[in-house]
């Protein structure tokens, strides 16, 4: 078993709620995908490279994740449970996969652009042609986004426009200020 670093990031629950996928940094400086199930944690996708952002398919039969095998990150899908061949979803550098539209599509980010690919998981895995969801290639999109389950809306972060100089407020004796604004009920 690999030596664990203790720095883990929870990623996704299985559809049946029995297993948790998490990413964990290793003592080598890369990250692996682990699964917590049945009271124990075991490595699921582990190599000397980075594997991150695992997501269960809605039917629980596959996991989408990104990995930087060879130095460039790509999005992959592999069967779950057990070992199986990983199938590349993206040809270009990409990250942050999310299953949308009841598992019929995978959304991911690539070069600051949102992309989607059609996916069929029954009876066998079939991957369609990736296409861009937007034509904006800006730093604004690099933080990624979180699609709604139906894939029609996205929650994204965008830089705040600042007007004028930045303002810094320093509050001294803030307990006194807190008491003034929200007095503690006396007994």
N, C-alpha and C. Protein backbone atom coordinates (compact mmCIF):
# COMPACT_ATOMS: atom_id res chain seq x y z
N UNK A 1 0.85 -1.19 0.00
CA UNK A 1 0.00 0.00 0.00
C UNK A 1 0.88 1.24 0.00
N UNK A 2 0.45 2.26 -0.70
CA UNK A 2 1.21 3.51 -0.79
C UNK A 2 1.18 4.26 0.53
N UNK A 3 2.24 4.98 0.80
CA UNK A 3 2.29 5.81 2.00
C UNK A 3 1.38 7.01 1.80
N UNK A 4 0.53 7.27 2.75
CA UNK A 4 -0.46 8.35 2.64
C UNK A 4 0.07 9.61 3.27
N UNK A 5 -0.24 10.75 2.65
CA UNK A 5 0.26 12.04 3.12
C UNK A 5 -0.65 12.68 4.15
N UNK A 6 -1.93 12.34 4.12
CA UNK A 6 -2.86 12.96 5.03
C UNK A 6 -3.58 14.16 4.46
N UNK A 7 -3.17 14.63 3.27
CA UNK A 7 -3.84 15.77 2.66
C UNK A 7 -4.80 15.26 1.60
N UNK A 8 -6.05 15.09 1.97
CA UNK A 8 -7.05 14.51 1.07
C UNK A 8 -8.13 15.53 0.74
N UNK A 9 -8.68 15.42 -0.47
CA UNK A 9 -9.77 16.28 -0.91
C UNK A 9 -10.95 15.40 -1.31
N UNK A 10 -12.08 15.48 -0.60
CA UNK A 10 -13.25 14.68 -1.01
C UNK A 10 -13.73 15.15 -2.37
N UNK A 11 -14.11 14.21 -3.22
CA UNK A 11 -14.47 14.55 -4.60
C UNK A 11 -15.91 14.20 -4.97
N UNK A 12 -16.33 12.94 -4.71
CA UNK A 12 -17.66 12.54 -5.17
C UNK A 12 -18.15 11.31 -4.43
N UNK A 13 -19.47 11.26 -4.19
CA UNK A 13 -20.13 10.08 -3.62
C UNK A 13 -20.59 9.17 -4.75
N UNK A 14 -20.57 7.87 -4.51
CA UNK A 14 -21.15 6.92 -5.47
C UNK A 14 -22.67 7.12 -5.48
N UNK A 15 -23.34 6.80 -6.59
CA UNK A 15 -24.80 6.98 -6.64
C UNK A 15 -25.55 6.23 -5.54
N UNK A 16 -24.99 5.10 -5.06
CA UNK A 16 -25.67 4.37 -3.99
C UNK A 16 -25.30 4.90 -2.60
N UNK A 17 -24.40 5.90 -2.54
CA UNK A 17 -24.02 6.52 -1.27
C UNK A 17 -23.09 5.69 -0.40
N UNK A 18 -22.55 4.59 -0.93
CA UNK A 18 -21.72 3.69 -0.11
C UNK A 18 -20.22 3.95 -0.23
N UNK A 19 -19.82 4.69 -1.25
CA UNK A 19 -18.39 4.91 -1.48
C UNK A 19 -18.11 6.38 -1.73
N UNK A 20 -16.94 6.81 -1.27
CA UNK A 20 -16.50 8.19 -1.46
C UNK A 20 -15.19 8.19 -2.23
N UNK A 21 -15.15 8.95 -3.32
CA UNK A 21 -13.90 9.14 -4.05
C UNK A 21 -13.20 10.36 -3.47
N UNK A 22 -11.89 10.28 -3.30
CA UNK A 22 -11.14 11.45 -2.87
C UNK A 22 -9.77 11.44 -3.53
N UNK A 23 -9.22 12.64 -3.69
CA UNK A 23 -7.86 12.81 -4.21
C UNK A 23 -6.95 13.03 -3.02
N UNK A 24 -5.75 12.48 -3.11
CA UNK A 24 -4.81 12.67 -2.01
C UNK A 24 -3.41 12.87 -2.57
N UNK A 25 -2.73 13.89 -2.04
CA UNK A 25 -1.34 14.13 -2.43
C UNK A 25 -0.46 13.08 -1.79
N UNK A 26 0.50 12.59 -2.56
CA UNK A 26 1.40 11.56 -2.06
C UNK A 26 2.68 12.20 -1.54
N UNK A 27 3.49 11.40 -0.88
CA UNK A 27 4.78 11.89 -0.39
C UNK A 27 5.73 12.16 -1.56
N UNK A 28 5.41 11.65 -2.75
CA UNK A 28 6.21 11.91 -3.96
C UNK A 28 5.91 13.27 -4.58
N UNK A 29 4.79 13.89 -4.17
CA UNK A 29 4.42 15.20 -4.71
C UNK A 29 3.37 15.15 -5.80
N UNK A 30 2.86 13.98 -6.13
CA UNK A 30 1.77 13.89 -7.10
C UNK A 30 0.47 13.60 -6.35
N UNK A 31 -0.62 13.43 -7.07
CA UNK A 31 -1.89 13.10 -6.41
C UNK A 31 -2.48 11.85 -7.04
N UNK A 32 -3.15 11.06 -6.21
CA UNK A 32 -3.80 9.82 -6.63
C UNK A 32 -5.27 9.88 -6.26
N UNK A 33 -6.06 9.01 -6.88
CA UNK A 33 -7.48 8.88 -6.55
C UNK A 33 -7.64 7.66 -5.65
N UNK A 34 -8.31 7.87 -4.52
CA UNK A 34 -8.58 6.82 -3.56
C UNK A 34 -10.09 6.65 -3.44
N UNK A 35 -10.47 5.52 -2.87
CA UNK A 35 -11.88 5.29 -2.58
C UNK A 35 -12.01 4.84 -1.13
N UNK A 36 -13.00 5.41 -0.46
CA UNK A 36 -13.32 5.01 0.91
C UNK A 36 -14.63 4.24 0.82
N UNK A 37 -14.58 2.96 1.19
CA UNK A 37 -15.76 2.12 1.11
C UNK A 37 -15.62 0.98 2.10
N UNK A 38 -16.69 0.60 2.72
CA UNK A 38 -16.65 -0.51 3.67
C UNK A 38 -15.74 -0.26 4.86
N UNK A 39 -15.56 1.01 5.24
CA UNK A 39 -14.76 1.34 6.40
C UNK A 39 -13.27 1.44 6.16
N UNK A 40 -12.83 1.34 4.91
CA UNK A 40 -11.39 1.48 4.65
C UNK A 40 -11.14 2.25 3.36
N UNK A 41 -9.96 2.86 3.31
CA UNK A 41 -9.54 3.63 2.13
C UNK A 41 -8.50 2.83 1.36
N UNK A 42 -8.67 2.76 0.04
CA UNK A 42 -7.71 2.06 -0.81
C UNK A 42 -7.46 2.90 -2.07
N UNK A 43 -6.24 2.80 -2.63
CA UNK A 43 -5.96 3.53 -3.86
C UNK A 43 -6.78 2.95 -5.01
N UNK A 44 -7.33 3.80 -5.84
CA UNK A 44 -8.15 3.36 -6.97
C UNK A 44 -7.43 3.64 -8.30
N UNK A 45 -6.93 4.86 -8.45
CA UNK A 45 -6.18 5.25 -9.64
C UNK A 45 -4.90 5.90 -9.13
N UNK A 46 -3.80 5.17 -9.23
CA UNK A 46 -2.55 5.64 -8.63
C UNK A 46 -1.38 5.34 -9.57
N UNK A 47 -0.58 6.36 -9.82
CA UNK A 47 0.63 6.23 -10.64
C UNK A 47 1.60 7.33 -10.19
N UNK A 48 2.77 7.40 -10.80
CA UNK A 48 3.69 8.50 -10.46
C UNK A 48 3.23 9.86 -10.99
N UNK A 49 2.11 9.89 -11.72
CA UNK A 49 1.59 11.14 -12.27
C UNK A 49 0.40 11.62 -11.43
N UNK A 50 -0.16 12.76 -11.77
CA UNK A 50 -1.32 13.31 -11.06
C UNK A 50 -2.62 12.75 -11.63
N UNK A 51 -3.46 12.23 -10.76
CA UNK A 51 -4.82 11.84 -11.11
C UNK A 51 -5.73 12.59 -10.15
N UNK A 52 -6.69 13.33 -10.69
CA UNK A 52 -7.54 14.19 -9.84
C UNK A 52 -8.96 14.28 -10.39
N UNK A 53 -9.80 14.97 -9.64
CA UNK A 53 -11.18 15.32 -10.01
C UNK A 53 -12.02 14.12 -10.43
N UNK A 54 -12.01 13.02 -9.68
CA UNK A 54 -12.82 11.86 -10.07
C UNK A 54 -14.30 12.13 -9.85
N UNK A 55 -15.11 11.64 -10.78
CA UNK A 55 -16.56 11.78 -10.71
C UNK A 55 -17.23 10.48 -11.16
N UNK A 56 -18.14 9.97 -10.31
CA UNK A 56 -18.92 8.79 -10.69
C UNK A 56 -19.91 9.14 -11.78
N UNK A 57 -20.13 8.21 -12.72
CA UNK A 57 -21.23 8.36 -13.66
C UNK A 57 -22.52 8.16 -12.88
N UNK A 58 -23.63 8.72 -13.34
CA UNK A 58 -24.89 8.56 -12.60
C UNK A 58 -25.31 7.10 -12.41
N UNK A 59 -24.92 6.21 -13.33
CA UNK A 59 -25.27 4.80 -13.15
C UNK A 59 -24.25 4.05 -12.29
N UNK A 60 -23.15 4.73 -11.89
CA UNK A 60 -22.15 4.14 -11.03
C UNK A 60 -21.21 3.15 -11.71
N UNK A 61 -21.29 3.03 -13.03
CA UNK A 61 -20.49 2.04 -13.75
C UNK A 61 -19.14 2.59 -14.23
N UNK A 62 -18.95 3.91 -14.19
CA UNK A 62 -17.72 4.51 -14.70
C UNK A 62 -17.28 5.67 -13.80
N UNK A 63 -16.01 6.01 -13.93
CA UNK A 63 -15.46 7.18 -13.26
C UNK A 63 -14.77 8.03 -14.31
N UNK A 64 -15.09 9.32 -14.32
CA UNK A 64 -14.37 10.29 -15.16
C UNK A 64 -13.37 10.98 -14.24
N UNK A 65 -12.19 11.30 -14.76
CA UNK A 65 -11.15 11.96 -13.97
C UNK A 65 -10.16 12.61 -14.92
N UNK A 66 -9.30 13.46 -14.37
CA UNK A 66 -8.22 13.99 -15.21
C UNK A 66 -6.89 13.47 -14.69
N UNK A 67 -5.96 13.28 -15.62
CA UNK A 67 -4.64 12.76 -15.30
C UNK A 67 -3.62 13.39 -16.22
N UNK A 68 -2.43 13.64 -15.70
CA UNK A 68 -1.38 14.27 -16.51
C UNK A 68 -0.27 13.29 -16.89
N UNK A 69 -0.66 12.11 -17.31
CA UNK A 69 0.32 11.13 -17.78
C UNK A 69 1.17 11.78 -18.87
N UNK A 70 2.46 11.79 -18.68
CA UNK A 70 3.33 12.36 -19.70
C UNK A 70 3.41 13.87 -19.66
N UNK A 71 2.87 14.50 -18.61
CA UNK A 71 3.04 15.94 -18.45
C UNK A 71 1.89 16.81 -18.90
N UNK A 72 0.96 16.31 -19.71
CA UNK A 72 -0.18 17.10 -20.17
C UNK A 72 -1.45 16.44 -19.66
N UNK A 73 -2.32 17.22 -19.02
CA UNK A 73 -3.54 16.67 -18.45
C UNK A 73 -4.60 16.40 -19.49
N UNK A 74 -5.26 15.26 -19.36
CA UNK A 74 -6.38 14.89 -20.21
C UNK A 74 -7.49 14.34 -19.34
N UNK A 75 -8.71 14.33 -19.88
CA UNK A 75 -9.85 13.74 -19.19
C UNK A 75 -10.01 12.31 -19.69
N UNK A 76 -10.23 11.40 -18.73
CA UNK A 76 -10.39 9.99 -19.04
C UNK A 76 -11.65 9.45 -18.39
N UNK A 77 -12.12 8.30 -18.89
CA UNK A 77 -13.19 7.53 -18.26
C UNK A 77 -12.69 6.11 -18.14
N UNK A 78 -12.97 5.49 -16.98
CA UNK A 78 -12.63 4.07 -16.83
C UNK A 78 -13.74 3.38 -16.08
N UNK A 79 -13.89 2.06 -16.30
CA UNK A 79 -14.95 1.32 -15.63
C UNK A 79 -14.79 1.33 -14.11
N UNK A 80 -15.93 1.18 -13.42
CA UNK A 80 -15.94 1.04 -11.97
C UNK A 80 -16.95 -0.04 -11.64
N UNK A 81 -16.71 -0.94 -10.70
CA UNK A 81 -15.49 -1.07 -9.92
C UNK A 81 -14.44 -1.86 -10.70
N UNK A 82 -13.32 -1.95 -10.11
CA UNK A 82 -12.26 -2.76 -10.69
C UNK A 82 -11.41 -2.01 -11.69
N UNK A 83 -10.40 -2.69 -12.10
CA UNK A 83 -9.48 -2.12 -13.07
C UNK A 83 -10.07 -2.31 -14.46
N UNK A 84 -9.82 -1.39 -15.31
CA UNK A 84 -10.27 -1.50 -16.69
C UNK A 84 -9.53 -0.48 -17.52
N UNK A 85 -9.63 -0.61 -18.82
CA UNK A 85 -8.91 0.34 -19.66
C UNK A 85 -9.49 1.74 -19.51
N UNK A 86 -8.61 2.72 -19.46
CA UNK A 86 -9.08 4.10 -19.44
C UNK A 86 -9.22 4.57 -20.88
N UNK A 87 -10.28 5.32 -21.11
CA UNK A 87 -10.57 5.85 -22.45
C UNK A 87 -10.42 7.35 -22.40
N UNK A 88 -9.61 7.91 -23.29
CA UNK A 88 -9.41 9.35 -23.34
C UNK A 88 -10.67 10.03 -23.89
N UNK A 89 -11.10 11.07 -23.20
CA UNK A 89 -12.26 11.85 -23.62
C UNK A 89 -11.80 13.07 -24.42
N UNK A 90 -10.63 13.59 -24.07
CA UNK A 90 -10.14 14.82 -24.69
C UNK A 90 -8.82 14.56 -25.41
N UNK A 91 -8.64 15.24 -26.52
CA UNK A 91 -7.38 15.14 -27.26
C UNK A 91 -6.42 16.25 -26.83
N UNK A 92 -6.97 17.35 -26.36
CA UNK A 92 -6.16 18.49 -25.93
C UNK A 92 -6.05 18.51 -24.42
N UNK A 93 -5.18 19.35 -23.89
CA UNK A 93 -5.04 19.47 -22.44
C UNK A 93 -6.39 19.86 -21.84
N UNK A 94 -6.82 19.14 -20.82
CA UNK A 94 -8.15 19.39 -20.24
C UNK A 94 -8.20 18.90 -18.80
N UNK A 95 -9.27 19.33 -18.10
CA UNK A 95 -9.39 19.04 -16.67
C UNK A 95 -10.82 19.26 -16.21
N UNK A 96 -11.11 18.88 -14.98
CA UNK A 96 -12.38 19.10 -14.28
C UNK A 96 -13.60 18.48 -14.97
N UNK A 97 -13.62 17.16 -15.15
CA UNK A 97 -14.80 16.56 -15.78
C UNK A 97 -16.01 16.54 -14.85
N UNK A 98 -17.18 16.63 -15.43
CA UNK A 98 -18.46 16.52 -14.72
C UNK A 98 -19.44 15.79 -15.63
N UNK A 99 -20.13 14.80 -15.09
CA UNK A 99 -21.18 14.12 -15.84
C UNK A 99 -22.42 15.02 -15.82
N UNK A 100 -23.05 15.22 -16.95
CA UNK A 100 -24.27 16.03 -17.02
C UNK A 100 -25.31 15.29 -17.87
N UNK A 101 -26.50 15.85 -17.87
CA UNK A 101 -27.58 15.33 -18.69
C UNK A 101 -27.82 13.84 -18.43
N UNK A 102 -27.91 13.49 -17.13
CA UNK A 102 -28.16 12.11 -16.66
C UNK A 102 -27.11 11.13 -17.16
N UNK A 103 -25.87 11.60 -17.30
CA UNK A 103 -24.78 10.72 -17.70
C UNK A 103 -24.61 10.55 -19.19
N UNK A 104 -25.38 11.31 -19.96
CA UNK A 104 -25.26 11.21 -21.43
C UNK A 104 -24.20 12.13 -22.00
N UNK A 105 -23.63 12.98 -21.14
CA UNK A 105 -22.58 13.89 -21.59
C UNK A 105 -21.57 14.10 -20.46
N UNK A 106 -20.34 14.45 -20.86
CA UNK A 106 -19.32 14.86 -19.91
C UNK A 106 -18.88 16.27 -20.29
N UNK A 107 -18.93 17.15 -19.31
CA UNK A 107 -18.47 18.53 -19.46
C UNK A 107 -17.05 18.58 -18.92
N UNK A 108 -16.18 19.39 -19.54
CA UNK A 108 -14.83 19.59 -19.02
C UNK A 108 -14.27 20.92 -19.53
N UNK A 109 -13.19 21.35 -18.90
CA UNK A 109 -12.54 22.60 -19.27
C UNK A 109 -11.28 22.29 -20.07
N UNK A 110 -11.00 23.15 -21.05
CA UNK A 110 -9.80 23.00 -21.86
C UNK A 110 -9.38 24.36 -22.38
N UNK A 111 -8.20 24.80 -21.99
CA UNK A 111 -7.69 26.08 -22.47
C UNK A 111 -8.61 27.25 -22.18
N UNK A 112 -9.28 27.23 -21.05
CA UNK A 112 -10.18 28.31 -20.70
C UNK A 112 -11.52 28.24 -21.43
N UNK A 113 -11.79 27.13 -22.07
CA UNK A 113 -13.03 26.96 -22.82
C UNK A 113 -13.82 25.79 -22.25
N UNK A 114 -15.14 25.91 -22.22
CA UNK A 114 -15.99 24.82 -21.77
C UNK A 114 -16.29 23.91 -22.95
N UNK A 115 -16.13 22.60 -22.74
CA UNK A 115 -16.39 21.62 -23.78
C UNK A 115 -17.34 20.56 -23.26
N UNK A 116 -17.98 19.86 -24.19
CA UNK A 116 -18.86 18.76 -23.83
C UNK A 116 -18.68 17.66 -24.86
N UNK A 117 -18.83 16.43 -24.40
CA UNK A 117 -18.76 15.27 -25.29
C UNK A 117 -19.92 14.34 -24.94
N UNK A 118 -20.58 13.81 -25.97
CA UNK A 118 -21.66 12.85 -25.75
C UNK A 118 -21.05 11.52 -25.34
N UNK A 119 -21.72 10.85 -24.38
CA UNK A 119 -21.24 9.59 -23.85
C UNK A 119 -22.40 8.61 -23.77
N UNK A 120 -22.12 7.36 -24.12
CA UNK A 120 -23.09 6.28 -23.94
C UNK A 120 -22.41 5.25 -23.05
N UNK A 121 -23.07 4.86 -21.97
CA UNK A 121 -22.47 3.88 -21.05
C UNK A 121 -23.12 2.51 -21.14
N UNK A 122 -24.24 2.38 -21.84
CA UNK A 122 -24.95 1.09 -21.96
C UNK A 122 -25.10 0.74 -23.43
N UNK A 123 -24.92 -0.43 -23.90
CA UNK A 123 -24.39 -1.59 -23.20
C UNK A 123 -22.87 -1.53 -23.03
N UNK A 124 -22.20 -0.73 -23.87
CA UNK A 124 -20.75 -0.54 -23.73
C UNK A 124 -20.46 0.96 -23.78
N UNK A 125 -19.26 1.33 -23.38
CA UNK A 125 -18.87 2.74 -23.39
C UNK A 125 -18.62 3.21 -24.81
N UNK A 126 -19.27 4.30 -25.19
CA UNK A 126 -19.04 4.94 -26.49
C UNK A 126 -18.87 6.43 -26.24
N UNK A 127 -17.86 7.00 -26.87
CA UNK A 127 -17.53 8.41 -26.70
C UNK A 127 -17.75 9.12 -28.02
N UNK A 128 -18.48 10.24 -27.99
CA UNK A 128 -18.72 11.03 -29.19
C UNK A 128 -17.59 12.03 -29.44
N UNK A 129 -17.85 12.95 -30.33
CA UNK A 129 -16.90 14.00 -30.68
C UNK A 129 -17.06 15.19 -29.73
N UNK A 130 -15.96 15.66 -29.18
CA UNK A 130 -16.02 16.82 -28.27
C UNK A 130 -16.36 18.07 -29.05
N UNK A 131 -17.09 18.97 -28.40
CA UNK A 131 -17.41 20.26 -29.03
C UNK A 131 -17.39 21.35 -27.97
N UNK A 132 -17.09 22.55 -28.42
CA UNK A 132 -17.02 23.70 -27.51
C UNK A 132 -18.42 24.17 -27.17
N UNK A 133 -18.61 24.54 -25.90
CA UNK A 133 -19.88 25.12 -25.46
C UNK A 133 -19.87 26.64 -25.56
N UNK A 134 -18.68 27.19 -25.62
CA UNK A 134 -18.55 28.64 -25.74
C UNK A 134 -17.30 28.93 -26.55
N UNK A 135 -17.21 30.13 -27.07
CA UNK A 135 -16.02 30.49 -27.84
C UNK A 135 -15.17 31.50 -27.10
N UNK A 136 -15.39 31.61 -25.79
CA UNK A 136 -14.61 32.54 -24.97
C UNK A 136 -13.37 31.83 -24.46
N UNK A 137 -12.24 32.31 -24.82
CA UNK A 137 -10.97 31.78 -24.30
C UNK A 137 -10.33 32.89 -23.50
N UNK A 138 -10.72 33.00 -22.27
CA UNK A 138 -10.18 34.06 -21.44
C UNK A 138 -9.83 33.53 -20.07
N UNK A 139 -9.03 34.28 -19.37
CA UNK A 139 -8.62 33.88 -18.02
C UNK A 139 -9.84 33.76 -17.11
N UNK A 140 -10.90 34.45 -17.46
CA UNK A 140 -12.12 34.43 -16.66
C UNK A 140 -12.68 33.02 -16.52
N UNK A 141 -12.51 32.17 -17.53
CA UNK A 141 -13.06 30.83 -17.52
C UNK A 141 -12.10 29.81 -16.93
N UNK A 142 -10.86 30.18 -16.65
CA UNK A 142 -9.86 29.21 -16.22
C UNK A 142 -10.19 28.57 -14.88
N UNK A 143 -11.00 29.24 -14.07
CA UNK A 143 -11.38 28.66 -12.80
C UNK A 143 -12.38 27.53 -12.95
N UNK A 144 -12.84 27.32 -14.16
CA UNK A 144 -13.81 26.26 -14.41
C UNK A 144 -15.21 26.70 -14.06
N UNK A 145 -16.07 25.77 -13.98
CA UNK A 145 -17.45 26.06 -13.66
C UNK A 145 -18.11 24.79 -13.19
N UNK A 146 -19.26 24.93 -12.60
CA UNK A 146 -20.01 23.77 -12.14
C UNK A 146 -21.32 23.76 -12.90
N UNK A 147 -21.52 22.76 -13.77
CA UNK A 147 -22.77 22.71 -14.53
C UNK A 147 -23.92 22.19 -13.68
N UNK A 148 -25.13 22.61 -14.04
CA UNK A 148 -26.31 22.02 -13.41
C UNK A 148 -26.44 20.60 -13.94
N UNK A 149 -27.25 19.76 -13.30
CA UNK A 149 -27.38 18.37 -13.72
C UNK A 149 -27.86 18.24 -15.16
N UNK A 150 -28.70 19.18 -15.62
CA UNK A 150 -29.18 19.09 -16.99
C UNK A 150 -28.23 19.75 -17.99
N UNK A 151 -27.17 20.40 -17.50
CA UNK A 151 -26.17 21.00 -18.38
C UNK A 151 -26.60 22.29 -19.04
N UNK A 152 -27.71 22.87 -18.61
CA UNK A 152 -28.21 24.10 -19.25
C UNK A 152 -27.71 25.38 -18.59
N UNK A 153 -27.24 25.28 -17.34
CA UNK A 153 -26.74 26.45 -16.61
C UNK A 153 -25.39 26.11 -16.00
N UNK A 154 -24.60 27.15 -15.77
CA UNK A 154 -23.28 26.97 -15.19
C UNK A 154 -23.06 27.98 -14.09
N UNK A 155 -22.44 27.52 -13.03
CA UNK A 155 -22.03 28.40 -11.95
C UNK A 155 -20.54 28.62 -12.14
N UNK A 156 -20.14 29.87 -12.34
CA UNK A 156 -18.73 30.18 -12.55
C UNK A 156 -18.33 31.37 -11.71
N UNK A 157 -17.06 31.50 -11.49
CA UNK A 157 -16.51 32.67 -10.82
C UNK A 157 -15.91 33.56 -11.89
N UNK A 158 -16.09 34.84 -11.74
CA UNK A 158 -15.46 35.78 -12.66
C UNK A 158 -14.85 36.91 -11.85
N UNK A 159 -13.81 37.50 -12.38
CA UNK A 159 -13.14 38.56 -11.63
C UNK A 159 -14.07 39.72 -11.34
N UNK A 160 -13.88 40.32 -10.19
CA UNK A 160 -14.68 41.47 -9.78
C UNK A 160 -14.07 42.73 -10.37
N UNK A 161 -14.89 43.56 -10.98
CA UNK A 161 -14.41 44.83 -11.51
C UNK A 161 -14.28 45.81 -10.35
N UNK A 162 -13.14 46.40 -10.23
CA UNK A 162 -12.90 47.36 -9.15
C UNK A 162 -12.96 48.78 -9.69
N UNK A 163 -13.68 49.60 -9.00
CA UNK A 163 -13.72 51.02 -9.34
C UNK A 163 -13.07 51.78 -8.20
N UNK A 164 -12.06 52.54 -8.51
CA UNK A 164 -11.36 53.30 -7.48
C UNK A 164 -10.35 52.42 -6.77
N UNK A 165 -9.71 52.98 -5.76
CA UNK A 165 -8.67 52.24 -5.04
C UNK A 165 -9.28 51.16 -4.14
N UNK A 166 -8.49 50.16 -3.84
CA UNK A 166 -8.92 49.13 -2.90
C UNK A 166 -9.13 49.76 -1.53
N UNK A 167 -10.07 49.25 -0.80
CA UNK A 167 -10.37 49.79 0.52
C UNK A 167 -10.00 48.75 1.56
N UNK A 168 -9.31 49.18 2.56
CA UNK A 168 -8.93 48.31 3.66
C UNK A 168 -9.54 48.88 4.93
N UNK A 169 -10.30 48.06 5.63
CA UNK A 169 -10.92 48.48 6.88
C UNK A 169 -10.30 47.71 8.03
N UNK A 170 -9.91 48.44 9.05
CA UNK A 170 -9.35 47.83 10.25
C UNK A 170 -10.28 48.17 11.40
N UNK A 171 -10.73 47.14 12.10
CA UNK A 171 -11.63 47.36 13.22
C UNK A 171 -10.88 47.00 14.50
N UNK A 172 -10.69 47.98 15.34
CA UNK A 172 -10.05 47.77 16.63
C UNK A 172 -11.13 47.47 17.67
N UNK A 173 -10.77 46.73 18.66
CA UNK A 173 -11.72 46.39 19.73
C UNK A 173 -13.01 45.79 19.15
N UNK A 174 -12.86 44.82 18.26
CA UNK A 174 -14.01 44.31 17.55
C UNK A 174 -15.00 43.57 18.44
N UNK A 175 -14.58 43.06 19.60
CA UNK A 175 -15.54 42.46 20.52
C UNK A 175 -16.50 43.53 21.05
N UNK A 176 -15.97 44.73 21.32
CA UNK A 176 -16.84 45.83 21.77
C UNK A 176 -17.81 46.20 20.66
N UNK A 177 -17.32 46.25 19.43
CA UNK A 177 -18.18 46.58 18.28
C UNK A 177 -19.24 45.50 18.08
N UNK A 178 -18.86 44.25 18.24
CA UNK A 178 -19.82 43.15 18.12
C UNK A 178 -20.89 43.25 19.20
N UNK A 179 -20.49 43.54 20.42
CA UNK A 179 -21.45 43.68 21.51
C UNK A 179 -22.41 44.83 21.26
N UNK A 180 -21.87 45.93 20.67
CA UNK A 180 -22.73 47.08 20.36
C UNK A 180 -23.76 46.72 19.28
N UNK A 181 -23.32 45.96 18.24
CA UNK A 181 -24.22 45.63 17.13
C UNK A 181 -25.17 44.49 17.48
N UNK A 182 -24.71 43.53 18.25
CA UNK A 182 -25.52 42.37 18.61
C UNK A 182 -25.31 42.07 20.09
N UNK A 183 -26.01 42.82 20.95
CA UNK A 183 -25.79 42.66 22.40
C UNK A 183 -26.07 41.24 22.86
N UNK A 184 -25.20 40.81 23.76
CA UNK A 184 -25.35 39.50 24.38
C UNK A 184 -26.50 39.57 25.39
N UNK A 185 -27.46 38.66 25.32
CA UNK A 185 -28.56 38.70 26.29
C UNK A 185 -28.05 38.39 27.69
N UNK A 186 -28.37 39.24 28.60
CA UNK A 186 -27.94 39.04 30.00
C UNK A 186 -28.91 38.11 30.69
N UNK A 187 -28.37 37.30 31.54
CA UNK A 187 -29.22 36.31 32.22
C UNK A 187 -29.69 36.81 33.53
